[in-house]
Protein backbone atom coordinates (compact mmCIF):
# COMPACT_ATOMS: atom_id res chain seq x y z
CA UNK A 1 -87.91 5.95 89.29
CA UNK A 2 -89.81 2.66 89.36
CA UNK A 3 -92.23 3.02 92.25
CA UNK A 4 -95.73 2.21 90.93
CA UNK A 5 -94.62 2.86 87.34
CA UNK A 6 -96.73 1.08 84.72
CA UNK A 7 -94.38 -1.20 82.73
CA UNK A 8 -95.36 -3.75 80.11
CA UNK A 9 -93.09 -6.68 79.28
CA UNK A 10 -93.84 -8.43 76.01
CA UNK A 11 -93.07 -12.16 76.18
CA UNK A 12 -93.17 -14.67 79.06
CA UNK A 13 -89.94 -16.50 78.29
CA UNK A 14 -86.80 -16.55 80.40
CA UNK A 15 -85.88 -12.92 79.68
CA UNK A 16 -89.38 -11.55 80.17
CA UNK A 17 -90.14 -13.35 83.42
CA UNK A 18 -86.74 -12.61 84.96
CA UNK A 19 -87.08 -8.95 84.04
CA UNK A 20 -90.65 -8.78 85.35
CA UNK A 21 -89.61 -10.11 88.76
CA UNK A 22 -86.58 -7.82 88.93
CA UNK A 23 -88.73 -4.78 88.20
CA UNK A 24 -91.58 -5.75 90.52
CA UNK A 25 -89.19 -6.28 93.41
CA UNK A 26 -88.03 -2.73 92.82
CA UNK A 27 -91.58 -1.37 93.12
CA UNK A 28 -92.81 -1.24 89.53
CA UNK A 29 -96.33 -2.26 88.49
CA UNK A 30 -95.48 -4.89 85.86
CA UNK A 31 -97.72 -6.64 83.34
CA UNK A 32 -96.39 -9.45 81.14
CA UNK A 33 -98.20 -10.10 77.86
CA UNK A 34 -97.87 -13.61 76.41
CA UNK A 35 -99.47 -14.80 73.18
CA UNK A 36 -99.73 -18.46 74.23
CA UNK A 37 -102.66 -19.94 76.14
CA UNK A 38 -100.36 -21.11 78.94
CA UNK A 39 -96.80 -20.51 80.08
CA UNK A 40 -95.05 -23.63 78.95
CA UNK A 41 -91.90 -24.83 77.25
CA UNK A 42 -91.73 -28.35 75.92
CA UNK A 43 -89.09 -30.76 74.76
CA UNK A 44 -85.90 -28.81 75.34
CA UNK A 45 -82.98 -28.61 77.72
CA UNK A 46 -80.74 -25.67 78.51
CA UNK A 47 -77.58 -24.99 80.46
CA UNK A 48 -77.17 -22.25 83.05
CA UNK A 49 -73.56 -21.28 83.67
CA UNK A 50 -72.28 -19.29 86.67
CA UNK A 51 -72.90 -15.89 85.09
CA UNK A 52 -76.59 -16.74 84.71
CA UNK A 53 -76.79 -18.50 88.07
CA UNK A 54 -75.66 -15.31 89.80
CA UNK A 55 -78.69 -13.49 88.42
CA UNK A 56 -81.05 -16.21 89.66
CA UNK A 57 -79.43 -15.92 93.09
CA UNK A 58 -79.74 -12.14 93.11
CA UNK A 59 -83.41 -12.46 92.18
CA UNK A 60 -83.94 -14.62 95.26
CA UNK A 61 -84.55 -17.73 93.14
CA UNK A 62 -81.24 -19.51 93.61
CA UNK A 63 -82.53 -22.22 95.92
CA UNK A 64 -85.61 -22.93 93.79
CA UNK A 65 -83.46 -23.09 90.67
CA UNK A 66 -80.99 -25.45 92.32
CA UNK A 67 -83.84 -27.79 93.19
CA UNK A 68 -85.28 -27.62 89.65
CA UNK A 69 -81.96 -28.20 87.88
CA UNK A 70 -79.12 -30.69 88.00
CA UNK A 71 -75.51 -29.84 88.79
CA UNK A 72 -73.11 -30.41 85.89
CA UNK A 73 -69.66 -31.89 86.51
CA UNK A 74 -67.93 -31.54 83.15
CA UNK A 75 -68.03 -30.97 79.41
CA UNK A 76 -66.51 -33.66 77.22
CA UNK A 77 -65.67 -33.45 73.53
CA UNK A 78 -65.63 -36.87 71.87
CA UNK A 79 -65.00 -38.33 68.43
CA UNK A 80 -68.46 -39.12 67.11
CA UNK A 81 -67.41 -42.16 65.10
CA UNK A 82 -65.23 -43.91 67.69
CA UNK A 83 -66.45 -42.41 70.96
CA UNK A 84 -62.85 -41.64 71.95
CA UNK A 85 -62.65 -38.71 74.33
CA UNK A 86 -60.76 -35.76 72.91
CA UNK A 87 -60.90 -33.47 75.94
CA UNK A 88 -62.66 -33.15 79.29
CA UNK A 89 -63.33 -29.78 80.88
CA UNK A 90 -64.09 -30.15 84.58
CA UNK A 91 -66.58 -27.57 85.82
CA UNK A 92 -65.09 -26.78 89.20
CA UNK A 93 -67.65 -24.74 91.15
CA UNK A 94 -64.78 -23.16 93.08
CA UNK A 95 -66.42 -23.17 96.48
CA UNK A 96 -69.87 -22.96 98.07
CA UNK A 97 -72.79 -21.63 96.13
CA UNK A 98 -74.06 -18.20 97.11
CA UNK A 99 -76.54 -18.63 99.95
CA UNK A 100 -77.39 -15.36 101.57
CA UNK A 101 -80.49 -14.25 99.72
CA UNK A 102 -83.95 -14.05 101.12
CA UNK A 103 -86.37 -15.17 98.36
CA UNK A 104 -88.61 -12.16 98.84
CA UNK A 105 -86.50 -10.16 101.23
CA UNK A 106 -84.81 -6.78 100.93
CA UNK A 107 -81.66 -8.18 99.32
CA UNK A 108 -83.35 -9.92 96.40
CA UNK A 109 -83.91 -6.78 94.38
CA UNK A 110 -80.64 -4.95 94.80
CA UNK A 111 -77.79 -5.19 97.24
CA UNK A 112 -76.40 -8.65 97.89
CA UNK A 113 -76.80 -10.15 101.33
CA UNK A 114 -73.67 -10.78 103.34
CA UNK A 115 -73.69 -14.56 102.98
CA UNK A 116 -70.86 -16.69 101.54
CA UNK A 117 -70.14 -16.27 97.86
CA UNK A 118 -68.72 -18.58 95.23
CA UNK A 119 -64.97 -18.08 94.97
CA UNK A 120 -64.44 -19.79 91.63
CA UNK A 121 -66.57 -19.87 88.56
CA UNK A 122 -69.69 -21.07 90.35
CA UNK A 123 -72.38 -23.64 89.61
CA UNK A 124 -73.19 -25.03 86.16
CA UNK A 125 -76.61 -26.67 85.87
CA UNK A 126 -78.75 -28.53 83.35
CA UNK A 127 -82.44 -27.62 83.20
CA UNK A 128 -85.48 -28.79 81.38
CA UNK A 129 -86.60 -25.45 79.99
CA UNK A 130 -90.13 -25.96 81.34
CA UNK A 131 -88.77 -26.33 84.87
CA UNK A 132 -86.78 -23.11 84.80
CA UNK A 133 -89.70 -21.26 83.20
CA UNK A 134 -91.84 -22.56 86.08
CA UNK A 135 -89.40 -21.19 88.68
CA UNK A 136 -89.34 -17.78 87.00
CA UNK A 137 -93.11 -17.64 86.47
CA UNK A 138 -93.77 -18.42 90.12
CA UNK A 139 -91.14 -15.86 91.11
CA UNK A 140 -92.78 -13.20 88.96
CA UNK A 141 -96.26 -13.88 90.30
CA UNK A 142 -95.08 -13.92 93.91
CA UNK A 143 -93.54 -10.48 93.34
CA UNK A 144 -96.89 -9.12 92.17
CA UNK A 145 -96.47 -9.36 88.40
CA UNK A 146 -99.66 -9.73 86.35
CA UNK A 147 -99.31 -12.26 83.53
CA UNK A 148 -101.93 -11.96 80.77
CA UNK A 149 -102.18 -14.87 78.34
CA UNK A 150 -103.63 -15.02 74.81
CA UNK A 151 -102.28 -11.54 74.07
CA UNK A 152 -100.93 -11.83 70.53
CA UNK A 153 -99.55 -8.47 69.45
CA UNK A 154 -100.04 -7.56 65.80
CA UNK A 155 -98.31 -4.19 65.84
CA UNK A 156 -96.15 -2.03 68.12
CA UNK A 157 -96.63 1.70 67.67
CA UNK A 158 -93.87 4.00 68.83
CA UNK A 159 -93.31 7.68 68.18
CA UNK A 160 -96.20 9.15 70.06
CA UNK A 161 -95.93 8.91 73.82
CA UNK A 162 -96.74 6.50 75.37
CA UNK A 163 -96.08 3.26 73.41
CA UNK A 164 -99.12 1.38 72.12
CA UNK A 165 -99.66 -2.27 71.26
CA UNK A 166 -102.33 -3.47 68.86
CA UNK A 167 -103.47 -6.99 69.71
CA UNK A 168 -105.21 -9.55 67.52
CA UNK A 169 -108.23 -9.88 69.81
CA UNK A 170 -108.69 -6.72 71.81
CA UNK A 171 -108.28 -2.97 72.03
CA UNK A 172 -104.97 -1.16 71.92
CA UNK A 173 -102.84 -1.38 75.04
CA UNK A 174 -101.05 1.72 76.28
CA UNK A 175 -98.09 1.62 78.66
CA UNK A 176 -95.59 4.00 80.25
CA UNK A 177 -92.68 1.79 79.21
CA UNK A 178 -92.57 -1.17 76.81
CA UNK A 179 -89.84 -3.81 77.19
CA UNK A 180 -89.62 -6.37 74.40
CA UNK A 181 -88.58 -9.87 75.44
CA UNK A 182 -90.47 -11.29 72.47
CA UNK A 183 -87.77 -13.39 70.88
CA UNK A 184 -86.41 -13.93 67.39
CA UNK A 185 -89.35 -12.34 65.57
CA UNK A 186 -89.72 -9.44 67.98
CA UNK A 187 -92.35 -6.85 67.19
CA UNK A 188 -90.57 -4.36 69.44
CA UNK A 189 -87.24 -4.86 67.67
CA UNK A 190 -88.97 -4.35 64.32
CA UNK A 191 -90.54 -1.12 65.57
CA UNK A 192 -87.13 0.16 66.64
CA UNK A 193 -85.00 -1.16 63.77
CA UNK A 194 -87.22 -2.09 60.87
CA UNK A 195 -87.28 -5.56 59.32
CA UNK A 196 -84.33 -7.82 60.16
CA UNK A 197 -82.31 -9.63 57.49
CA UNK A 198 -81.04 -12.91 58.96
CA UNK A 199 -79.19 -15.36 56.74
CA UNK A 200 -79.19 -19.14 56.72
CA UNK A 201 -75.95 -20.52 58.18
CA UNK A 202 -76.06 -23.74 56.19
CA UNK A 203 -76.84 -25.70 59.34
CA UNK A 204 -79.96 -27.33 60.73
CA UNK A 205 -80.58 -28.69 64.21
CA UNK A 206 -82.81 -31.41 65.58
CA UNK A 207 -83.80 -31.46 69.22
CA UNK A 208 -85.42 -34.23 71.22
CA UNK A 209 -85.82 -35.51 74.76
CA UNK A 210 -86.00 -39.25 75.42
CA UNK A 211 -86.44 -41.27 78.62
CA UNK A 212 -83.15 -42.42 80.10
CA UNK A 213 -82.32 -46.09 79.54
CA UNK A 214 -79.92 -46.20 82.49
CA UNK A 215 -77.78 -43.89 84.63
CA UNK A 216 -76.51 -40.76 82.87
CA UNK A 217 -73.39 -39.03 84.11
CA UNK A 218 -73.91 -35.31 84.89
CA UNK A 219 -71.76 -34.38 81.90
CA UNK A 220 -72.49 -32.49 78.68
CA UNK A 221 -70.97 -34.58 75.89
CA UNK A 222 -70.35 -33.25 72.41
CA UNK A 223 -69.87 -35.95 69.76
CA UNK A 224 -68.05 -34.38 66.80
CA UNK A 225 -67.91 -35.52 63.19
CA UNK A 226 -67.25 -34.07 59.74
CA UNK A 227 -70.00 -31.57 59.04
CA UNK A 228 -72.07 -32.50 62.09
CA UNK A 229 -72.13 -32.88 65.86
CA UNK A 230 -74.47 -34.05 68.61
CA UNK A 231 -74.79 -32.73 72.17
CA UNK A 232 -76.39 -34.72 74.98
CA UNK A 233 -76.80 -34.31 78.73
CA UNK A 234 -79.21 -35.45 81.46
CA UNK A 235 -82.34 -33.66 82.61
CA UNK A 236 -84.44 -34.02 85.76
CA UNK A 237 -81.84 -35.87 87.75
CA UNK A 238 -81.06 -38.27 84.93
CA UNK A 239 -84.64 -39.34 84.20
CA UNK A 240 -84.41 -37.83 80.71
CA UNK A 241 -81.74 -37.42 78.05
CA UNK A 242 -81.59 -34.17 76.11
CA UNK A 243 -80.35 -34.35 72.51
CA UNK A 244 -79.42 -31.57 70.11
CA UNK A 245 -77.99 -32.72 66.76
CA UNK A 246 -76.61 -30.34 64.14
CA UNK A 247 -75.84 -31.03 60.47
CA UNK A 248 -74.44 -28.86 57.71
CA UNK A 249 -76.62 -28.74 54.61
CA UNK A 250 -77.45 -26.43 51.74
CA UNK A 251 -81.22 -26.74 52.02
CA UNK A 252 -83.06 -23.70 53.33
CA UNK A 253 -85.07 -24.59 56.41
CA UNK A 254 -87.67 -22.40 58.09
CA UNK A 255 -86.54 -20.64 61.23
CA UNK A 256 -88.95 -22.15 63.71
CA UNK A 257 -88.75 -24.12 66.97
CA UNK A 258 -91.96 -26.03 66.28
CA UNK A 259 -91.32 -27.89 63.02
CA UNK A 260 -91.31 -31.69 63.26
CA UNK A 261 -89.16 -33.95 61.13
CA UNK A 262 -89.08 -37.60 60.11
CA UNK A 263 -86.79 -39.34 62.66
CA UNK A 264 -85.32 -41.36 59.79
CA UNK A 265 -83.68 -38.20 58.45
CA UNK A 266 -81.98 -37.68 61.81
CA UNK A 267 -80.78 -41.27 61.94
CA UNK A 268 -79.38 -41.14 58.42
CA UNK A 269 -77.50 -37.92 59.20
CA UNK A 270 -75.66 -39.67 62.05
CA UNK A 271 -75.46 -43.21 60.68
CA UNK A 272 -71.64 -43.21 60.88
CA UNK A 273 -71.58 -42.30 64.56
CA UNK A 274 -70.86 -44.91 67.21
CA UNK A 275 -73.57 -47.47 68.10
CA UNK A 276 -74.39 -45.86 71.45
CA UNK A 277 -75.35 -42.59 69.77
CA UNK A 278 -77.30 -44.38 67.02
CA UNK A 279 -79.16 -46.27 69.74
CA UNK A 280 -80.36 -43.02 71.29
CA UNK A 281 -81.53 -41.74 67.92
CA UNK A 282 -83.40 -44.98 67.24
CA UNK A 283 -85.58 -44.11 70.23
CA UNK A 284 -86.45 -40.61 69.02
CA UNK A 285 -90.01 -40.67 67.71
CA UNK A 286 -90.72 -37.09 66.65
CA UNK A 287 -87.74 -34.71 66.62
CA UNK A 288 -88.15 -30.98 66.23
CA UNK A 289 -86.14 -29.43 63.42
CA UNK A 290 -85.11 -25.85 62.89
CA UNK A 291 -82.81 -23.99 60.54
CA UNK A 292 -80.03 -22.00 62.17
CA UNK A 293 -79.92 -18.40 61.06
CA UNK A 294 -77.38 -15.72 61.87
CA UNK A 295 -79.03 -12.51 63.01
CA UNK A 296 -77.23 -9.23 63.42
CA UNK A 297 -77.14 -7.78 66.91
CA UNK A 298 -79.71 -5.00 66.90
CA UNK A 299 -78.42 -1.53 66.06
CA UNK A 300 -81.03 0.20 68.22
CA UNK A 301 -81.86 -1.34 71.60
CA UNK A 302 -84.12 1.44 72.83
CA UNK A 303 -86.06 4.54 71.90
CA UNK A 304 -89.42 6.26 72.21
CA UNK A 305 -90.33 4.58 75.50
CA UNK A 306 -89.32 1.03 74.48
CA UNK A 307 -86.34 -1.31 74.78
CA UNK A 308 -85.43 -4.89 73.85
CA UNK A 309 -83.51 -7.69 75.53
CA UNK A 310 -82.60 -11.34 75.10
CA UNK A 311 -83.11 -12.90 71.67
CA UNK A 312 -84.99 -9.82 70.55
CA UNK A 313 -81.72 -7.85 70.80
CA UNK A 314 -79.01 -10.43 70.10
CA UNK A 315 -80.07 -13.88 68.87
CA UNK A 316 -77.16 -16.30 69.15
CA UNK A 317 -76.42 -19.71 67.72
CA UNK A 318 -76.62 -22.53 70.30
CA UNK A 319 -72.92 -23.47 70.27
CA UNK A 320 -71.80 -21.77 73.46
CA UNK A 321 -74.88 -22.47 75.63
CA UNK A 322 -75.24 -18.78 76.42
CA UNK A 323 -78.64 -17.75 75.06
CA UNK A 324 -80.48 -18.21 78.36
CA UNK A 325 -77.60 -16.77 80.36
CA UNK A 326 -77.46 -13.63 78.23
CA UNK A 327 -81.21 -13.19 78.71
CA UNK A 328 -80.80 -13.35 82.49
CA UNK A 329 -77.90 -10.90 82.42
CA UNK A 330 -79.88 -8.48 80.26
CA UNK A 331 -82.84 -8.62 82.63
CA UNK A 332 -80.76 -7.72 85.66
CA UNK A 333 -78.83 -4.90 83.97
CA UNK A 334 -81.98 -3.37 82.48
CA UNK A 335 -83.87 -3.44 85.78
CA UNK A 336 -80.94 -1.91 87.65
CA UNK A 337 -80.53 0.82 85.04
CA UNK A 338 -84.20 1.77 85.34
CA UNK A 339 -83.84 1.92 89.13
CA UNK A 340 -80.95 4.38 88.88
CA UNK A 341 -83.07 7.52 89.06
CA UNK A 342 -82.03 8.73 85.63
CA UNK A 343 -84.65 9.77 83.10
CA UNK A 344 -86.02 6.76 81.21
CA UNK A 345 -84.12 7.34 77.96
CA UNK A 346 -80.84 7.92 79.80
CA UNK A 347 -81.38 4.74 81.82
CA UNK A 348 -82.15 2.72 78.69
CA UNK A 349 -79.09 4.15 76.96
CA UNK A 350 -76.92 3.10 79.90
CA UNK A 351 -78.36 -0.42 79.74
CA UNK A 352 -77.63 -0.72 76.01
CA UNK A 353 -74.10 0.61 76.43
CA UNK A 354 -73.42 -1.93 79.17
CA UNK A 355 -74.63 -4.90 77.14
CA UNK A 356 -73.95 -4.46 73.43
CA UNK A 357 -70.19 -5.14 73.44
CA UNK A 358 -70.42 -8.29 75.56
CA UNK A 359 -73.32 -9.76 73.65
CA UNK A 360 -71.63 -9.16 70.29
CA UNK A 361 -68.52 -10.96 71.51
CA UNK A 362 -70.56 -13.94 72.69
CA UNK A 363 -72.54 -14.13 69.43
CA UNK A 364 -69.25 -14.22 67.49
CA UNK A 365 -67.72 -16.85 69.80
CA UNK A 366 -70.76 -19.11 69.41
CA UNK A 367 -70.49 -18.87 65.63
CA UNK A 368 -66.84 -19.90 65.80
CA UNK A 369 -67.60 -22.96 67.92
CA UNK A 370 -69.83 -24.39 65.18
CA UNK A 371 -66.87 -24.51 62.79
CA UNK A 372 -64.62 -26.13 65.38
CA UNK A 373 -67.04 -29.01 65.99
CA UNK A 374 -67.37 -29.87 62.28
CA UNK A 375 -63.75 -30.19 61.14
CA UNK A 376 -62.75 -32.99 58.79
CA UNK A 377 -59.63 -34.61 57.37
CA UNK A 378 -56.13 -33.60 58.44
CA UNK A 379 -57.39 -30.35 59.97
CA UNK A 380 -59.61 -32.32 62.30
CA UNK A 381 -56.79 -34.72 63.27
CA UNK A 382 -54.42 -31.87 64.10
CA UNK A 383 -57.05 -29.97 66.09
CA UNK A 384 -58.01 -33.05 68.12
CA UNK A 385 -54.36 -33.85 68.85
CA UNK A 386 -53.83 -30.32 70.08
CA UNK A 387 -56.82 -30.57 72.38
CA UNK A 388 -55.63 -33.90 73.79
CA UNK A 389 -52.20 -32.45 74.53
CA UNK A 390 -53.69 -29.36 76.17
CA UNK A 391 -56.05 -31.54 78.21
CA UNK A 392 -53.13 -33.60 79.46
CA UNK A 393 -50.63 -30.86 80.25
CA UNK A 394 -52.69 -27.71 80.87
CA UNK A 395 -56.33 -28.64 81.52
CA UNK A 396 -57.03 -25.49 83.51
CA UNK A 397 -56.16 -23.27 80.56
CA UNK A 398 -58.84 -24.87 78.38
CA UNK A 399 -61.78 -24.02 80.63
CA UNK A 400 -60.03 -20.77 81.53
CA UNK A 401 -60.47 -19.60 77.95
CA UNK A 402 -64.10 -18.96 78.85
CA UNK A 403 -63.59 -17.23 82.18
CA UNK A 404 -64.50 -13.94 80.49
CA UNK A 405 -67.97 -15.47 80.18
CA UNK A 406 -68.36 -17.51 83.35
CA UNK A 407 -66.72 -15.21 85.92
CA UNK A 408 -68.61 -12.14 84.73
CA UNK A 409 -71.00 -10.88 87.41
CA UNK A 410 -73.61 -8.32 86.35
CA UNK A 411 -75.06 -8.28 89.87
CA UNK A 412 -71.99 -6.64 91.42
CA UNK A 413 -72.19 -2.98 92.28
């Protein structure tokens, strides 16, 4: 099905690069088109949970990813004004990490090697996004993927076979199969579904990375307050501190990752938080700001020789740390479906059927988490008391609530 097939992947982010490597290892001739002048991600951290880590392992990139990231020990929810810990969720890896994959060997593209496997949930890691992108880009190139930069696509034309892409600077590009990993404002999604209608959630988020001013525990801490919360964790072995701060507001803010904001606005928003948090924000010089929008999961994931994955198919709010993990899962499932031997449309239909229910559930769960972090008054007091009691008497049940996410393994079978 895939041997020497001409496949174009639009977008050199996490989803696009993971998919490109997965397809190339299965024999496809893969070209990735990226509109930027270089493959780079700046100023952002991300978390890879066990379900995403399993895909990196299956792609033969587990060891490189482990070296690029930092193991996480726990998640802590804290009162933002006092610093008092509400609950701690220990991230028990449950045994040794998978270690039986040859980076470019016969097991990387399909069947797992017979090495030891994680018994529990598996590894949780913090990454600087640029570092994980680097691992995936090198993995794609080493598998024979061609990455073409400065390829801004103005229009995707479907309907006549094969799909065509109209670029800003060159002639039309024709491909046997077009796979859109082109993010929130996906041209491929628009060609399949028409214009999207996202709505503003009433929340904005700042993100920043600052140099560490001392040792940082390998813990993701969420500081919660009425109408706002702040997440922080270490990057690059504790050399950097990642910060994401969210505030409820009525103002409409552009949906963009590249807007900058006055750091004073960030400091004012969290002026009632404890001094330690305010001290971190005092050191932020130029935070990025973006409005958080709720997008519907795409109705059509494929058709007419094209398909979408990652944020192009199911953008999610950042309150469950699953955006990157869902992208990795999509990439693996899509590549395996195309390898099945079925006709292209049947394979793409099988991929969509396998993914749409799970991604919808995760999108909804992430939306719910935002409300839980921002409680106020008596509701907040009761909720925090309940979490403290559960943490004391049944800590395993708290993290176990998310086993449907973390224990899921798309690489099985």
